[in-house]
C-alpha atoms as a PDB file:
ATOM      1  CA  VAL A   1       3.444 -15.269  -5.025  1.00  0.00           C
ATOM      2  CA  MET A   2       1.715 -13.671  -1.955  1.00  0.00           C
ATOM      3  CA  GLY A   3      -1.398 -11.523  -0.769  1.00  0.00           C
ATOM      4  CA  CYS A   4      -1.593  -9.243   2.469  1.00  0.00           C
ATOM      5  CA  VAL A   5      -4.167  -6.993   2.444  1.00  0.00           C
ATOM      6  CA  VAL A   6      -2.507  -4.839   5.067  1.00  0.00           C
ATOM      7  CA  ASN A   7       1.080  -5.344   3.718  1.00  0.00           C
ATOM      8  CA  GLY A   8       1.052  -5.830  -0.013  1.00  0.00           C
ATOM      9  CA  PRO A   9       3.551  -2.982  -0.415  1.00  0.00           C
ATOM     10  CA  GLY A  10       6.011  -4.161   2.161  1.00  0.00           C
ATOM     11  CA  GLU A  11       5.537  -8.138   0.553  1.00  0.00           C
ATOM     12  CA  ALA A  12       6.345  -6.457  -2.978  1.00  0.00           C
ATOM     13  CA  ARG A  13       9.927  -4.827  -2.103  1.00  0.00           C
ATOM     14  CA  GLU A  14      11.105  -8.080  -0.888  1.00  0.00           C
ATOM     15  CA  ALA A  15      10.579 -10.039  -4.295  1.00  0.00           C
ATOM     16  CA  ASP A  16      12.323  -9.895  -7.054  1.00  0.00           C
ATOM     17  CA  ILE A  17       9.976  -8.577  -8.815  1.00  0.00           C
ATOM     18  CA  GLY A  18       6.126  -7.229  -7.038  1.00  0.00           C
ATOM     19  CA  ILE A  19       2.680  -6.021  -7.684  1.00  0.00           C
ATOM     20  CA  ALA A  20       0.243  -4.243  -4.969  1.00  0.00           C
ATOM     21  CA  GLY A  21      -2.885  -3.627  -6.262  1.00  0.00           C
ATOM     22  CA  GLY A  22      -5.275  -0.935  -5.388  1.00  0.00           C
ATOM     23  CA  LYS A  23      -8.180   0.951  -6.214  1.00  0.00           C
ATOM     24  CA  GLY A  24      -7.884   1.146 -10.138  1.00  0.00           C
ATOM     25  CA  GLU A  25      -4.564   1.112  -9.588  1.00  0.00           C
ATOM     26  CA  GLY A  26      -1.158  -0.677  -9.100  1.00  0.00           C
ATOM     27  CA  LEU A  27       2.504  -0.477  -8.255  1.00  0.00           C
ATOM     28  CA  ILE A  28       4.722  -2.590 -10.055  1.00  0.00           C
ATOM     29  CA  PHE A  29       8.349  -3.805  -7.870  1.00  0.00           C
ATOM     30  CA  LYS A  30      11.766  -4.580  -8.880  1.00  0.00           C
ATOM     31  CA  LYS A  31      13.948  -5.823  -6.428  1.00  0.00           C
ATOM     32  CA  GLY A  32      12.926  -3.555  -3.872  1.00  0.00           C
ATOM     33  CA  LYS A  33      12.138  -0.273  -6.033  1.00  0.00           C
ATOM     34  CA  ILE A  34       8.892   1.224  -7.477  1.00  0.00           C
ATOM     35  CA  LEU A  35       9.050   1.199 -10.934  1.00  0.00           C
ATOM     36  CA  ARG A  36       5.807   2.594 -12.003  1.00  0.00           C
ATOM     37  CA  LYS A  37       2.064   2.964 -10.807  1.00  0.00           C
ATOM     38  CA  VAL A  38      -0.114   0.700 -13.886  1.00  0.00           C
ATOM     39  CA  PRO A  39      -3.723   1.161 -14.345  1.00  0.00           C
ATOM     40  CA  GLU A  40      -5.100  -1.749 -12.897  1.00  0.00           C
ATOM     41  CA  ASP A  41      -6.307  -3.242 -16.530  1.00  0.00           C
ATOM     42  CA  LYS A  42      -2.413  -3.377 -17.860  1.00  0.00           C
ATOM     43  CA  LEU A  43      -1.470  -4.980 -14.522  1.00  0.00           C
ATOM     44  CA  LEU A  44      -1.378  -8.600 -15.919  1.00  0.00           C
ATOM     45  CA  GLU A  45       0.478  -7.346 -18.793  1.00  0.00           C
ATOM     46  CA  GLU A  46       3.163  -4.960 -17.229  1.00  0.00           C
ATOM     47  CA  LEU A  47       4.005  -7.696 -14.557  1.00  0.00           C
ATOM     48  CA  LYS A  48       4.661  -9.967 -17.215  1.00  0.00           C
ATOM     49  CA  LYS A  49       6.988  -7.713 -19.357  1.00  0.00           C
ATOM     50  CA  GLU A  50       9.149  -7.144 -16.240  1.00  0.00           C
ATOM     51  CA  ILE A  51       9.182 -11.202 -15.313  1.00  0.00           C
ATOM     52  CA  ASP A  52      10.712 -11.684 -19.032  1.00  0.00           C
ATOM     53  CA  LEU A  53      13.486  -9.417 -18.372  1.00  0.00           C
ATOM     54  CA  LEU A  54      15.161 -11.109 -15.628  1.00  0.00           C
END
């Protein structure tokens, strides 16, 4: 788990599963590729779903 205001998307791309949050929404990454854009209030729920699929 890491966090970086400047390079969140770059770091998320290096992870098996990653998220990069923005204003009101975030991106979920898997194996370096963007899976989808998710509203902020659904980020944790959607991240957990992807982790369970690993």
